[in-house]
Amino acid sequence: MEIKNTMEMLGLKEATIVSFDIPNRDRCGRSNIQRFLHGRTDTKSVNGKMKTYRYPGLLDEGGFRLGQSVFLLPPDLASRLILKLRGLKISHRYWDVLVHG
């Protein structure tokens, strides 16, 4: 418990860096991860009127992009991304880190 208190005093919190590589030929995997991370928007005709529906992605809950296919996420969101990548058999790596802020 003392480590947690020290981390709080220093303004540090746990995070996870997740990096993955999707081959160009895997369009389905690329599209799936894109929607999972960034969400999607669907426009449909309802009673003759166009309605837009927004489905949020994982990044709407927190975290951000560090670079191409590299993200810094809170541990719980990183776990969800890692499970998705494993399920799609996408090559990935991750590192648990401490961040300030």
Protein backbone atom coordinates (compact mmCIF):
# COMPACT_ATOMS: atom_id res chain seq x y z
CA MET A 1 0.00 0.00 0.00
CA GLU A 2 2.93 2.33 0.66
CA ILE A 3 3.98 2.15 -3.00
CA LYS A 4 0.51 3.34 -4.09
CA ASN A 5 0.72 6.28 -1.67
CA THR A 6 4.18 7.21 -2.93
CA MET A 7 2.98 7.05 -6.53
CA GLU A 8 0.05 9.33 -5.70
CA MET A 9 2.35 11.81 -3.93
CA LEU A 10 4.61 11.94 -6.99
CA GLY A 11 1.63 12.29 -9.33
CA LEU A 12 2.34 8.97 -11.05
CA LYS A 13 -0.20 6.51 -12.36
CA GLU A 14 -0.06 3.18 -14.14
CA ALA A 15 -0.57 2.97 -17.90
CA THR A 16 0.14 0.51 -20.70
CA ILE A 17 1.72 1.13 -24.08
CA VAL A 18 0.27 -1.18 -26.73
CA SER A 19 1.86 -1.58 -30.14
CA PHE A 20 0.55 -3.76 -32.95
CA ASP A 21 1.24 -4.56 -36.58
CA ILE A 22 -1.49 -5.48 -39.04
CA PRO A 23 -0.29 -6.69 -42.45
CA ASN A 24 -1.57 -4.67 -45.43
CA ARG A 25 -3.35 -7.74 -46.79
CA ASP A 26 -5.47 -8.05 -43.60
CA ARG A 27 -8.09 -5.43 -44.48
CA CYS A 28 -10.70 -7.07 -42.27
CA GLY A 29 -8.43 -6.97 -39.20
CA ARG A 30 -7.40 -3.37 -39.92
CA SER A 31 -11.02 -2.26 -40.27
CA ASN A 32 -12.09 -4.19 -37.16
CA ILE A 33 -9.38 -2.60 -34.98
CA GLN A 34 -10.05 0.85 -36.46
CA ARG A 35 -13.73 0.64 -35.45
CA PHE A 36 -12.85 -0.87 -32.06
CA LEU A 37 -10.45 1.99 -31.24
CA HIS A 38 -12.15 4.98 -32.87
CA GLY A 39 -15.79 3.93 -33.02
CA ARG A 40 -18.00 4.35 -36.03
CA THR A 41 -20.89 6.38 -37.36
CA ASP A 42 -23.85 4.89 -39.22
CA THR A 43 -26.39 6.91 -41.18
CA LYS A 44 -29.76 5.27 -41.77
CA SER A 45 -33.12 6.26 -43.14
CA VAL A 46 -35.78 6.20 -40.41
CA ASN A 47 -39.36 7.14 -41.38
CA GLY A 48 -38.05 8.92 -44.47
CA LYS A 49 -35.48 10.99 -42.54
CA MET A 50 -31.76 10.37 -42.32
CA LYS A 51 -30.51 9.66 -38.80
CA THR A 52 -26.89 9.39 -37.74
CA TYR A 53 -25.90 7.00 -34.99
CA ARG A 54 -22.51 7.28 -33.28
CA TYR A 55 -20.96 4.20 -31.69
CA PRO A 56 -18.00 5.20 -29.49
CA GLY A 57 -14.67 3.45 -29.59
CA LEU A 58 -12.20 2.46 -26.90
CA LEU A 59 -10.30 5.76 -27.18
CA ASP A 60 -13.47 7.66 -26.29
CA GLU A 61 -13.08 6.12 -22.82
CA GLY A 62 -9.49 7.33 -22.37
CA GLY A 63 -5.95 6.99 -23.62
CA PHE A 64 -4.44 8.34 -26.79
CA ARG A 65 -2.35 7.57 -29.84
CA LEU A 66 1.44 7.88 -29.51
CA GLY A 67 2.23 6.94 -33.10
CA GLN A 68 1.19 4.65 -35.91
CA SER A 69 -0.41 1.63 -34.22
CA VAL A 70 1.00 2.65 -30.80
CA PHE A 71 -1.33 3.71 -27.99
CA LEU A 72 -1.01 4.74 -24.33
CA LEU A 73 -3.98 3.46 -22.35
CA PRO A 74 -5.13 2.99 -18.76
CA PRO A 75 -4.53 -0.66 -17.78
CA ASP A 76 -8.21 -1.68 -17.99
CA LEU A 77 -8.59 -0.32 -21.54
CA ALA A 78 -5.25 -1.81 -22.57
CA SER A 79 -6.46 -5.22 -21.40
CA ARG A 80 -9.54 -4.91 -23.61
CA LEU A 81 -7.41 -3.95 -26.63
CA ILE A 82 -4.94 -6.78 -25.99
CA LEU A 83 -7.79 -9.32 -25.78
CA LYS A 84 -9.21 -8.00 -29.07
CA LEU A 85 -5.80 -8.22 -30.77
CA ARG A 86 -5.30 -11.77 -29.49
CA GLY A 87 -8.77 -12.75 -30.68
CA LEU A 88 -7.97 -11.44 -34.16
CA LYS A 89 -4.50 -13.05 -34.08
CA ILE A 90 -2.82 -9.69 -34.68
CA SER A 91 0.85 -9.41 -33.71
CA HIS A 92 1.24 -7.06 -30.74
CA ARG A 93 3.42 -6.10 -27.78
CA TYR A 94 2.73 -4.15 -24.62
CA TRP A 95 4.62 -2.50 -21.76
CA ASP A 96 3.33 -1.46 -18.35
CA VAL A 97 4.68 2.01 -17.48
CA LEU A 98 4.28 4.82 -14.96
CA VAL A 99 3.19 8.19 -16.32
CA HIS A 100 2.98 11.64 -14.73
CA GLY A 101 -0.35 13.35 -14.73
